Amino acid sequence: MRTNNGCPPDGVDADPRAPQNLGALNTGINSGSLVLATFTDENPNAVPSDFLASVAWGDGNSDASADGNGIVSVVQNEDGGFSVIADHTYAAAGTYGITVTVNDTEVNSLEATVTDPVLNASGGSFSGTAGSAATGQVLATFTSANAEAVAADFSASVDWGDGTSNDTADETGTVSIVDNEDGTFSVLGDHAFPYAGSYGIGVTLTDSDGNTTSASLTASVSAAAVTASAGSFSATMGSASGAEVVATFSDANPNLSAGDFIAIVSWGDSSEEDGPISIVQNEDGSFSVVGAHTYLAAGSATITVTILAVDGSSDGTSLTASVGKATPTLSLKDDGGTFNGSAFAATATVAGVIPGVDDTPASSLEGVSLTLTYYAGSSASGDPLSGAPTDPGTYTVVAAFAGSTDYASASVSKTFTIAKAKPVLTLKDDGGTFTGLPYPATATIAGVLSGVDDTPGNSLEGVSLVLTYYAGSSASGDPLEGAPSDPGTYTVRASFAGSTHYDSAFADVTFTIDS
């Protein structure tokens, strides 16, 4: 076996075609995979894993294939020989002697010339607000080995990290290169990021000779401000309010839509269920929070609205809900009837609007009882009666609810009639045989009040019965002057003209006086 210096250790032979220098490398930039040595072995069955390769880079650092980090490796060539491949990054410019050893045998020594790169760039910074253009941001600062270079000798392209890019050739002028007083150059950029967050920006620089370099930075984009203002809300206790605008808000980021926000509404009462809440975008670009709610108590409540944007910004506002008293349901009944000596009192109920709580009709609501007031006549006017009427006539009763904590005052009226009673008349005249004496009829009248006026008599409530006689079988024609005595057929009528409590009435009886 032979080596470059003529000492052939057993087994491994250096290939005279091995490279003697590596040309120009740049400081701080990895060399990429380099062929540092080639060699052969006497064993025709040898494979790369049979060899241990190591590289001394001449800068105090060394690597070996046994390290397992992939920096140094042995590969087999098509002609059956082998090559040592490695990569390295030099920190400083200079000339470095590299020594390559395989299985403790030096198989090549060569030189690497390392120079500072023509272009050397470092990332700048970018901070902005989502939806608004941040201008004049220093994206990168770089130097050139060409001391005569000016800004116009360079071009820059920028990948903003949000799916968009610009370069110095754009007509938009969003990317530019400027000369700095210290001889360096800066890449300036203007950009509006659509949403808040962090974006990786890549900057690529090229000079007039085609030399390139790159730099990277992270853009910090904050959320745009959300500004909320209170709306209004009014409702009636126990009834769904319907859709009400409880708040309006705007976001300085024009890229956000209604679906990018969440609205949280606290209704300020103890109810557990909320109506639907939605966010709609208005024609002017602002947004409205629309909600519906049912309050179970009248009065006022403080509604709190919180707006949360997907990018983390938020704002809140509050308003006072005006909850009006509900109208109770009143029912009133008085059918009247016929005089019977008793009062004809109405029946009335009141009910609230909260299911299972106060919606069962009763005589009171929230501790407030109904009142019944009676008036003579067909309207609730004039002086009220002292109580439910008993006498015949037309009356109006009013059921009134004075109002309570949650319910407004309310009333309902009804007109009813007490008719006069029908008296009981009895009339008798059996007639007979002519005797020359008159045949007077007997008649009585009685009322309907037991123990008061139901005993038959010849008058009722001071009104006496009247007996009228007619010749013939009907009460028609001229009446006779009194009870008849002559033979013939006669009709007698007992008449009651009516009284305070009793209607007029009559009864007829036909009788005969035989000859």
Protein backbone atom coordinates (compact mmCIF):
# COMPACT_ATOMS: atom_id res chain seq x y z
CA MET A 1 0.00 0.00 0.00
CA ARG A 2 1.12 3.56 -0.69
CA THR A 3 0.36 6.93 0.93
CA ASN A 4 0.97 10.43 -0.37
CA ASN A 5 4.27 10.63 1.51
CA GLY A 6 5.49 7.26 0.23
CA CYS A 7 4.95 5.25 3.44
CA PRO A 8 2.65 2.32 2.58
CA PRO A 9 0.95 1.02 5.69
CA ASP A 10 -0.43 -2.42 5.30
CA GLY A 11 -3.78 -2.62 3.52
CA VAL A 12 -4.76 1.00 2.57
CA ASP A 13 -3.28 2.79 -0.48
CA ALA A 14 -3.71 6.52 -1.10
CA ASP A 15 -4.95 7.51 -4.55
CA PRO A 16 -2.67 10.06 -6.22
CA ARG A 17 -5.79 11.74 -7.62
CA ALA A 18 -6.74 13.03 -4.14
CA PRO A 19 -7.41 16.82 -4.01
CA GLN A 20 -4.57 19.03 -2.78
CA ASN A 21 -6.57 22.17 -1.89
CA LEU A 22 -10.19 23.15 -1.40
CA GLY A 23 -10.25 26.54 -3.11
CA ALA A 24 -12.01 29.43 -1.39
CA LEU A 25 -14.41 28.81 1.46
CA ASN A 26 -16.38 31.49 3.31
CA THR A 27 -16.19 32.11 7.02
CA GLY A 28 -19.32 31.26 8.93
CA ILE A 29 -20.75 29.29 6.00
CA ASN A 30 -20.71 25.51 5.94
CA SER A 31 -18.52 24.10 3.20
CA GLY A 32 -21.01 21.50 2.13
CA SER A 33 -19.89 17.91 1.37
CA LEU A 34 -16.25 17.87 0.19
CA VAL A 35 -14.14 14.96 -1.16
CA LEU A 36 -11.03 15.20 1.01
CA ALA A 37 -9.25 11.97 0.01
CA THR A 38 -9.48 8.86 -2.19
CA PHE A 39 -7.87 5.50 -1.52
CA THR A 40 -7.83 1.83 -2.45
CA ASP A 41 -7.50 -1.34 -0.43
CA GLU A 42 -5.79 -4.66 -1.26
CA ASN A 43 -8.86 -6.55 -0.12
CA PRO A 44 -11.22 -6.72 -3.10
CA ASN A 45 -14.13 -7.49 -0.75
CA ALA A 46 -13.65 -4.40 1.41
CA VAL A 47 -16.68 -2.18 2.07
CA PRO A 48 -16.88 1.40 3.48
CA SER A 49 -17.74 0.19 6.96
CA ASP A 50 -14.34 -1.53 7.15
CA PHE A 51 -12.65 1.87 7.37
CA LEU A 52 -12.34 4.46 10.11
CA ALA A 53 -11.74 7.91 8.66
CA SER A 54 -10.81 11.01 10.62
CA VAL A 55 -10.20 14.62 9.57
CA ALA A 56 -8.06 17.22 11.34
CA TRP A 57 -9.30 20.57 9.97
CA GLY A 58 -6.30 22.64 10.94
CA ASP A 59 -8.30 25.04 13.14
CA GLY A 60 -8.08 22.93 16.26
CA ASN A 61 -11.16 20.89 15.39
CA SER A 62 -11.39 17.31 14.15
CA ASP A 63 -14.16 14.87 13.21
CA ALA A 64 -14.30 11.12 12.56
CA SER A 65 -16.66 8.72 10.84
CA ALA A 66 -16.93 6.90 14.13
CA ASP A 67 -18.57 9.98 15.72
CA GLY A 68 -21.84 8.97 14.09
CA ASN A 69 -22.85 12.58 13.40
CA GLY A 70 -22.51 12.25 9.61
CA ILE A 71 -19.85 14.93 9.30
CA VAL A 72 -17.22 12.42 8.07
CA SER A 73 -18.08 9.39 5.99
CA VAL A 74 -16.45 6.82 3.71
CA VAL A 75 -18.12 5.96 0.39
CA GLN A 76 -17.21 3.46 -2.32
CA ASN A 77 -16.60 4.76 -5.81
CA GLU A 78 -17.68 3.11 -9.07
CA ASP A 79 -14.10 2.00 -9.82
CA GLY A 80 -13.94 0.09 -6.53
CA GLY A 81 -11.93 2.73 -4.69
CA PHE A 82 -13.13 4.73 -1.75
CA SER A 83 -13.53 8.43 -0.89
CA VAL A 84 -13.57 10.33 2.37
CA ILE A 85 -16.32 12.96 2.36
CA ALA A 86 -16.79 15.63 5.08
CA ASP A 87 -18.08 19.13 5.71
CA HIS A 88 -16.94 21.93 8.03
CA THR A 89 -17.59 25.56 8.97
CA TYR A 90 -14.55 27.81 9.58
CA ALA A 91 -15.00 30.64 12.00
CA ALA A 92 -12.18 32.86 10.74
CA ALA A 93 -10.50 33.63 7.48
CA GLY A 94 -7.07 32.08 6.76
CA THR A 95 -5.29 29.10 5.23
CA TYR A 96 -5.74 25.79 7.03
CA GLY A 97 -3.87 22.49 6.57
CA ILE A 98 -6.21 19.52 6.56
CA THR A 99 -5.03 15.96 7.33
CA VAL A 100 -7.13 12.90 6.41
CA THR A 101 -6.45 9.56 8.09
CA VAL A 102 -7.96 6.15 7.31
CA ASN A 103 -7.36 3.27 9.74
CA ASP A 104 -4.53 5.30 11.33
CA THR A 105 -2.93 5.81 7.93
CA GLU A 106 -2.61 9.32 6.53
CA VAL A 107 -4.13 9.19 3.07
CA ASN A 108 -4.07 12.88 2.17
CA SER A 109 -3.07 16.34 3.32
CA LEU A 110 -4.42 19.46 1.69
CA GLU A 111 -5.05 23.14 2.24
CA ALA A 112 -8.28 25.09 2.65
CA THR A 113 -8.33 28.79 1.90
CA VAL A 114 -11.05 30.55 3.91
CA THR A 115 -12.12 34.12 3.21
CA ASP A 116 -14.85 36.36 4.50
CA PRO A 117 -17.94 36.25 2.21
CA VAL A 118 -18.56 39.02 -0.30
CA LEU A 119 -21.95 39.69 1.34
CA ASN A 120 -22.61 39.30 5.03
CA ALA A 121 -26.15 39.95 6.34
CA SER A 122 -27.96 39.86 9.65
CA GLY A 123 -31.70 40.01 10.32
CA GLY A 124 -33.36 43.15 11.58
CA SER A 125 -36.69 43.51 13.33
CA PHE A 126 -40.36 44.00 12.49
CA SER A 127 -43.20 45.00 14.76
CA GLY A 128 -46.67 46.04 13.72
CA THR A 129 -50.39 45.81 14.26
CA ALA A 130 -52.59 43.37 12.39
CA GLY A 131 -54.42 44.95 9.48
CA SER A 132 -52.29 48.11 9.45
CA ALA A 133 -49.20 48.71 7.33
CA ALA A 134 -45.96 48.99 9.30
CA THR A 135 -43.59 51.16 7.25
CA GLY A 136 -39.84 51.68 7.15
CA GLN A 137 -39.05 48.47 9.04
CA VAL A 138 -35.35 47.49 8.96
CA LEU A 139 -35.57 43.89 7.78
CA ALA A 140 -31.82 43.25 7.37
CA THR A 141 -28.44 44.98 7.57
CA PHE A 142 -25.56 43.77 5.39
CA THR A 143 -22.01 44.53 4.32
CA SER A 144 -20.17 43.97 1.05
CA ALA A 145 -16.53 43.18 0.42
CA ASN A 146 -16.75 45.66 -2.47
CA ALA A 147 -15.79 48.96 -0.87
CA GLU A 148 -17.08 50.87 -3.89
CA ALA A 149 -20.57 49.34 -3.82
CA VAL A 150 -23.68 51.52 -3.47
CA ALA A 151 -27.27 50.59 -2.66
CA ALA A 152 -28.23 50.50 -6.33
CA ASP A 153 -25.78 47.60 -6.85
CA PHE A 154 -27.99 45.26 -4.81
CA SER A 155 -31.44 43.72 -5.01
CA ALA A 156 -33.48 42.17 -2.24
CA SER A 157 -36.47 39.88 -2.12
CA VAL A 158 -38.60 39.37 0.97
CA ASP A 159 -40.77 36.39 1.87
CA TRP A 160 -43.11 37.81 4.50
CA GLY A 161 -44.11 34.43 5.92
CA ASP A 162 -47.83 35.02 5.35
CA GLY A 163 -47.97 33.67 1.81
CA THR A 164 -46.93 36.95 0.18
CA SER A 165 -43.60 38.30 -1.04
CA ASN A 166 -42.10 41.47 -2.49
CA ASP A 167 -38.79 42.55 -3.93
CA THR A 168 -36.99 45.73 -4.85
CA ALA A 169 -38.19 45.40 -8.44
CA ASP A 170 -41.84 45.76 -7.39
CA GLU A 171 -43.57 48.91 -8.53
CA THR A 172 -45.15 49.08 -5.07
CA GLY A 173 -41.91 50.28 -3.54
CA THR A 174 -42.55 48.19 -0.44
CA VAL A 175 -38.95 46.88 -0.35
CA SER A 176 -35.92 49.15 -0.72
CA ILE A 177 -32.19 49.22 0.04
CA VAL A 178 -30.49 52.26 1.58
CA ASP A 179 -26.88 53.25 2.31
CA ASN A 180 -26.00 53.72 5.97
CA GLU A 181 -23.47 56.26 7.22
CA ASP A 182 -21.19 53.53 8.60
CA GLY A 183 -20.77 51.89 5.17
CA THR A 184 -23.34 49.18 5.74
CA PHE A 185 -26.62 48.80 3.91
CA SER A 186 -30.17 48.20 5.17
CA VAL A 187 -33.15 46.52 3.60
CA LEU A 188 -36.32 48.45 4.43
CA GLY A 189 -39.83 47.04 4.06
CA ASP A 190 -43.46 48.07 4.40
CA HIS A 191 -46.08 45.42 5.05
CA ALA A 192 -49.50 44.84 6.59
CA PHE A 193 -50.01 41.43 8.16
CA PRO A 194 -53.62 40.20 8.09
CA TYR A 195 -53.68 38.71 11.58
CA ALA A 196 -51.83 39.00 14.85
CA GLY A 197 -49.06 36.53 15.66
CA SER A 198 -45.44 35.76 14.81
CA TYR A 199 -44.26 35.45 11.22
CA GLY A 200 -40.89 34.20 9.95
CA ILE A 201 -39.52 36.68 7.39
CA GLY A 202 -36.79 35.64 4.95
CA VAL A 203 -34.63 38.22 3.15
CA THR A 204 -32.46 37.26 0.15
CA LEU A 205 -29.77 39.69 -1.09
CA THR A 206 -28.00 39.63 -4.46
CA ASP A 207 -25.20 41.91 -5.71
CA SER A 208 -24.42 42.89 -9.29
CA ASP A 209 -21.93 40.00 -9.59
CA GLY A 210 -24.50 37.41 -8.62
CA ASN A 211 -23.21 36.89 -5.09
CA THR A 212 -26.05 36.15 -2.66
CA THR A 213 -26.67 35.92 1.03
CA SER A 214 -29.74 35.74 3.23
CA ALA A 215 -31.03 36.79 6.59
CA SER A 216 -34.05 35.92 8.64
CA LEU A 217 -36.09 37.58 11.36
CA THR A 218 -39.35 37.10 13.22
CA ALA A 219 -42.13 39.65 12.85
CA SER A 220 -44.09 40.41 15.99
CA VAL A 221 -47.61 41.47 15.01
CA SER A 222 -49.94 42.61 17.77
CA ALA A 223 -53.72 42.48 17.69
CA ALA A 224 -55.61 45.54 16.55
CA ALA A 225 -57.78 47.25 19.13
CA VAL A 226 -61.45 46.37 19.59
CA THR A 227 -63.62 49.33 20.63
CA ALA A 228 -67.12 48.60 21.96
CA SER A 229 -70.02 50.91 22.80
CA ALA A 230 -73.32 50.19 24.51
CA GLY A 231 -76.59 49.66 22.68
CA SER A 232 -80.03 49.69 24.25
CA PHE A 233 -82.43 47.13 25.62
CA SER A 234 -86.05 47.31 26.70
CA ALA A 235 -88.49 44.54 27.42
CA THR A 236 -91.63 43.63 29.30
CA MET A 237 -91.37 41.33 32.27
CA GLY A 238 -92.17 37.73 31.39
CA SER A 239 -92.09 38.28 27.61
CA ALA A 240 -89.27 37.58 25.16
CA SER A 241 -87.65 40.86 24.22
CA GLY A 242 -87.09 40.09 20.56
CA ALA A 243 -83.79 40.93 18.86
CA GLU A 244 -82.13 43.94 20.47
CA VAL A 245 -78.75 45.52 19.66
CA VAL A 246 -77.00 45.41 23.03
CA ALA A 247 -73.61 46.63 21.76
CA THR A 248 -71.78 47.84 18.68
CA PHE A 249 -68.04 47.54 18.17
CA SER A 250 -65.28 48.06 15.65
CA ASP A 251 -61.90 46.43 15.10
CA ALA A 252 -58.98 48.33 13.62
CA ASN A 253 -58.09 45.20 11.63
CA PRO A 254 -60.22 45.34 8.45
CA ASN A 255 -59.46 41.68 7.66
CA LEU A 256 -61.68 40.32 10.44
CA SER A 257 -65.27 39.26 9.85
CA ALA A 258 -68.17 38.55 12.19
CA GLY A 259 -67.06 34.94 12.58
CA ASP A 260 -63.75 36.09 14.08
CA PHE A 261 -65.43 37.38 17.25
CA ILE A 262 -67.20 35.94 20.27
CA ALA A 263 -69.69 37.97 22.30
CA ILE A 264 -70.40 37.10 25.93
CA VAL A 265 -73.52 38.71 27.41
CA SER A 266 -74.33 38.75 31.10
CA TRP A 267 -77.97 39.80 31.47
CA GLY A 268 -77.71 40.94 35.08
CA ASP A 269 -80.48 38.76 36.49
CA SER A 270 -80.67 35.37 38.13
CA SER A 271 -82.15 33.54 35.16
CA GLU A 272 -80.18 30.58 33.86
CA GLU A 273 -81.32 30.59 30.25
CA ASP A 274 -80.27 33.15 27.66
CA GLY A 275 -81.85 33.93 24.35
CA PRO A 276 -79.84 33.66 21.13
CA ILE A 277 -76.81 35.93 20.71
CA SER A 278 -75.37 36.77 17.30
CA ILE A 279 -72.82 39.13 15.77
CA VAL A 280 -73.63 40.83 12.48
CA GLN A 281 -71.48 43.09 10.34
CA ASN A 282 -72.92 46.48 9.47
CA GLU A 283 -72.60 48.29 6.15
CA ASP A 284 -70.04 50.71 7.59
CA GLY A 285 -67.76 47.82 8.61
CA SER A 286 -68.65 47.90 12.29
CA PHE A 287 -70.34 45.02 14.08
CA SER A 288 -73.45 44.68 16.23
CA VAL A 289 -74.15 42.24 19.03
CA VAL A 290 -77.79 41.19 18.84
CA GLY A 291 -79.46 39.35 21.69
CA ALA A 292 -82.84 38.41 23.10
CA HIS A 293 -83.78 37.71 26.69
CA THR A 294 -86.78 37.18 28.95
CA TYR A 295 -86.66 38.94 32.32
CA LEU A 296 -88.70 37.51 35.17
CA ALA A 297 -88.86 40.72 37.20
CA ALA A 298 -89.73 44.29 36.29
CA GLY A 299 -87.35 47.16 36.91
CA SER A 300 -83.81 47.62 35.61
CA ALA A 301 -80.83 45.32 35.13
CA THR A 302 -77.21 45.93 34.17
CA ILE A 303 -76.21 44.07 31.03
CA THR A 304 -72.49 43.45 30.49
CA VAL A 305 -71.17 42.68 27.00
CA THR A 306 -67.64 41.34 26.40
CA ILE A 307 -66.17 41.11 22.89
CA LEU A 308 -63.34 38.64 22.21
CA ALA A 309 -61.46 38.60 18.89
CA VAL A 310 -59.64 35.53 17.57
CA ASP A 311 -56.34 37.42 17.69
CA GLY A 312 -56.68 37.98 21.44
CA SER A 313 -57.91 41.57 21.57
CA SER A 314 -61.01 42.35 23.59
CA ASP A 315 -63.21 45.10 24.93
CA GLY A 316 -66.40 45.39 26.90
CA THR A 317 -69.29 47.70 27.64
CA SER A 318 -72.40 47.78 29.80
CA LEU A 319 -75.91 49.14 29.54
CA THR A 320 -79.04 49.31 31.63
CA ALA A 321 -81.99 47.20 30.57
CA SER A 322 -85.40 48.76 31.14
CA VAL A 323 -87.90 46.05 32.01
CA GLY A 324 -91.50 47.21 32.07
CA LYS A 325 -94.28 45.77 34.20
CA ALA A 326 -96.34 43.04 32.59
CA THR A 327 -100.07 43.28 32.05
CA PRO A 328 -101.99 40.74 34.13
CA THR A 329 -104.87 38.71 32.75
CA LEU A 330 -108.22 39.60 34.37
CA SER A 331 -111.45 37.66 33.97
CA LEU A 332 -114.87 38.86 35.19
CA LYS A 333 -118.24 37.15 35.21
CA ASP A 334 -121.70 38.31 36.30
CA ASP A 335 -124.59 36.87 34.30
CA GLY A 336 -127.25 38.66 36.31
CA GLY A 337 -130.57 36.79 36.64
CA THR A 338 -134.06 37.21 38.04
CA PHE A 339 -134.79 38.90 41.32
CA ASN A 340 -134.71 36.46 44.21
CA GLY A 341 -133.91 38.71 47.11
CA SER A 342 -130.19 37.87 47.06
CA ALA A 343 -127.27 39.97 45.83
CA PHE A 344 -125.91 39.17 42.37
CA ALA A 345 -122.19 39.26 43.08
CA ALA A 346 -119.65 39.01 40.26
CA THR A 347 -116.72 36.59 40.25
CA ALA A 348 -113.27 37.74 39.10
CA THR A 349 -109.74 36.35 38.88
CA VAL A 350 -106.30 37.70 38.03
CA ALA A 351 -103.29 35.79 36.67
CA GLY A 352 -99.65 36.59 35.90
CA VAL A 353 -97.46 35.60 32.96
CA ILE A 354 -94.81 33.34 34.50
CA PRO A 355 -95.65 29.69 33.81
CA GLY A 356 -95.82 27.58 36.92
CA VAL A 357 -95.27 30.60 39.15
CA ASP A 358 -98.22 33.00 38.94
CA ASP A 359 -100.19 32.05 35.83
CA THR A 360 -102.96 30.24 37.73
CA PRO A 361 -106.04 32.50 38.00
CA ALA A 362 -106.70 33.61 41.58
CA SER A 363 -108.29 36.43 43.54
CA SER A 364 -104.92 38.16 44.05
CA LEU A 365 -101.52 38.54 42.38
CA GLU A 366 -98.25 39.26 44.19
CA GLY A 367 -100.26 39.94 47.33
CA VAL A 368 -102.58 42.48 45.71
CA SER A 369 -106.26 41.51 45.73
CA LEU A 370 -108.87 42.37 43.13
CA THR A 371 -111.57 44.88 44.01
CA LEU A 372 -115.14 44.76 42.66
CA THR A 373 -117.12 47.97 42.29
CA TYR A 374 -120.77 48.13 41.16
CA TYR A 375 -122.58 50.96 39.38
CA ALA A 376 -126.23 51.44 38.46
CA GLY A 377 -126.64 51.66 34.71
CA SER A 378 -124.79 50.41 31.68
CA SER A 379 -121.50 52.22 32.39
CA ALA A 380 -119.06 52.55 35.28
CA SER A 381 -120.05 56.12 36.08
CA GLY A 382 -121.79 57.97 38.85
CA ASP A 383 -121.66 57.04 42.47
CA PRO A 384 -120.71 53.42 43.12
CA LEU A 385 -123.10 51.16 44.96
CA SER A 386 -122.30 49.95 48.42
CA GLY A 387 -122.12 46.36 47.26
CA ALA A 388 -123.50 43.82 44.83
CA PRO A 389 -127.07 44.78 43.80
CA THR A 390 -130.21 42.77 44.63
CA ASP A 391 -132.98 44.89 43.06
CA PRO A 392 -134.02 44.49 39.45
CA GLY A 393 -132.21 46.78 37.01
CA THR A 394 -129.15 47.17 34.79
CA TYR A 395 -125.76 47.34 36.47
CA THR A 396 -122.06 47.54 35.61
CA VAL A 397 -119.37 45.90 37.70
CA VAL A 398 -115.65 46.76 37.47
CA ALA A 399 -112.91 44.35 38.56
CA ALA A 400 -109.74 46.36 39.26
CA PHE A 401 -106.13 45.34 39.95
CA ALA A 402 -104.19 48.20 41.53
CA GLY A 403 -100.78 47.00 40.27
CA SER A 404 -97.86 45.30 42.00
CA THR A 405 -94.08 45.03 41.85
CA ASP A 406 -94.03 43.32 38.47
CA TYR A 407 -97.51 43.96 37.11
CA ALA A 408 -99.22 47.09 35.88
CA SER A 409 -102.66 48.14 37.04
CA ALA A 410 -105.55 46.75 35.01
CA SER A 411 -109.33 46.64 35.04
CA VAL A 412 -112.20 45.00 33.23
CA SER A 413 -115.94 45.75 33.34
CA LYS A 414 -119.15 43.90 32.61
CA THR A 415 -122.75 45.03 32.36
CA PHE A 416 -125.48 42.71 33.62
CA THR A 417 -129.23 42.80 34.31
CA ILE A 418 -131.39 41.66 37.23
CA ALA A 419 -134.87 41.05 35.88
CA LYS A 420 -138.06 41.54 37.91
CA ALA A 421 -139.52 38.36 39.30
CA LYS A 422 -142.81 36.94 38.08
CA PRO A 423 -145.49 36.95 40.83
CA VAL A 424 -147.80 33.99 41.45
CA LEU A 425 -151.49 34.81 40.67
CA THR A 426 -154.50 32.65 41.52
CA LEU A 427 -158.00 33.45 40.22
CA LYS A 428 -161.26 31.59 40.80
CA ASP A 429 -164.88 32.15 39.73
CA ASP A 430 -167.02 29.01 39.37
CA GLY A 431 -170.19 30.87 38.30
CA GLY A 432 -173.55 29.21 39.23
CA THR A 433 -177.32 29.53 38.82
CA PHE A 434 -178.99 32.91 38.53
CA THR A 435 -180.04 34.17 41.92
CA GLY A 436 -180.12 37.86 41.19
CA LEU A 437 -176.90 38.30 43.14
CA PRO A 438 -173.46 38.99 41.53
CA TYR A 439 -170.90 36.24 41.17
CA PRO A 440 -167.62 37.92 42.21
CA ALA A 441 -164.33 36.13 41.58
CA THR A 442 -161.69 35.52 44.22
CA ALA A 443 -157.98 36.24 43.45
CA THR A 444 -154.65 36.26 45.32
CA ILE A 445 -151.07 37.20 44.52
CA ALA A 446 -147.80 36.07 46.12
CA GLY A 447 -144.09 36.88 45.74
CA VAL A 448 -141.04 34.59 45.68
CA LEU A 449 -139.32 35.49 48.92
CA SER A 450 -139.91 32.76 51.43
CA GLY A 451 -141.29 34.08 54.67
CA VAL A 452 -141.40 37.59 53.26
CA ASP A 453 -143.96 37.85 50.50
CA ASP A 454 -144.76 34.29 49.42
CA THR A 455 -148.09 34.18 51.34
CA PRO A 456 -150.97 34.75 48.89
CA GLY A 457 -152.87 37.98 49.43
CA ASN A 458 -154.78 40.60 47.48
CA SER A 459 -151.68 42.83 47.06
CA LEU A 460 -147.91 42.53 46.65
CA GLU A 461 -145.42 45.22 47.66
CA GLY A 462 -148.37 47.61 48.15
CA VAL A 463 -149.86 47.03 44.74
CA SER A 464 -153.38 45.51 44.85
CA LEU A 465 -154.93 43.12 42.39
CA VAL A 466 -157.58 44.52 40.07
CA LEU A 467 -160.56 42.36 38.92
CA THR A 468 -162.21 43.26 35.62
CA TYR A 469 -165.20 41.47 34.14
CA TYR A 470 -166.15 41.06 30.48
CA ALA A 471 -169.22 39.59 28.81
CA GLY A 472 -168.29 36.61 26.74
CA SER A 473 -165.55 34.05 26.75
CA SER A 474 -162.64 36.46 26.44
CA ALA A 475 -161.35 39.55 28.18
CA SER A 476 -162.25 41.86 25.32
CA GLY A 477 -164.70 44.64 24.60
CA ASP A 478 -166.02 47.03 27.14
CA PRO A 479 -165.59 45.89 30.70
CA LEU A 480 -168.57 45.46 32.97
CA GLU A 481 -169.07 47.76 35.90
CA GLY A 482 -168.65 44.95 38.34
CA ALA A 483 -169.27 41.28 38.97
CA PRO A 484 -172.18 40.04 36.79
CA SER A 485 -175.48 38.70 38.21
CA ASP A 486 -177.47 37.98 35.06
CA PRO A 487 -177.37 34.63 33.33
CA GLY A 488 -174.62 34.36 30.65
CA THR A 489 -171.02 33.59 29.99
CA TYR A 490 -168.43 35.94 31.45
CA THR A 491 -164.64 36.32 31.70
CA VAL A 492 -162.88 37.84 34.68
CA ARG A 493 -159.30 39.11 34.59
CA ALA A 494 -157.14 39.53 37.69
CA SER A 495 -154.43 42.13 36.93
CA PHE A 496 -151.20 43.03 38.79
CA ALA A 497 -149.69 46.31 37.56
CA GLY A 498 -146.14 45.42 38.71
CA SER A 499 -143.99 46.66 41.56
CA THR A 500 -140.39 47.34 42.49
CA HIS A 501 -139.34 43.73 42.38
CA TYR A 502 -142.15 42.10 40.46
CA ASP A 503 -143.20 42.28 36.88
CA SER A 504 -146.79 42.97 35.86
CA ALA A 505 -149.02 39.90 35.47
CA PHE A 506 -152.63 38.86 34.85
CA ALA A 507 -154.83 35.77 34.86
CA ASP A 508 -158.20 35.11 33.10
CA VAL A 509 -161.06 32.80 34.10
CA THR A 510 -164.26 32.25 32.09
CA PHE A 511 -167.42 31.27 34.01
CA THR A 512 -171.19 30.89 33.43
CA ILE A 513 -174.32 32.00 35.29
CA ASP A 514 -177.13 29.68 34.37
CA SER A 515 -180.78 30.84 34.11
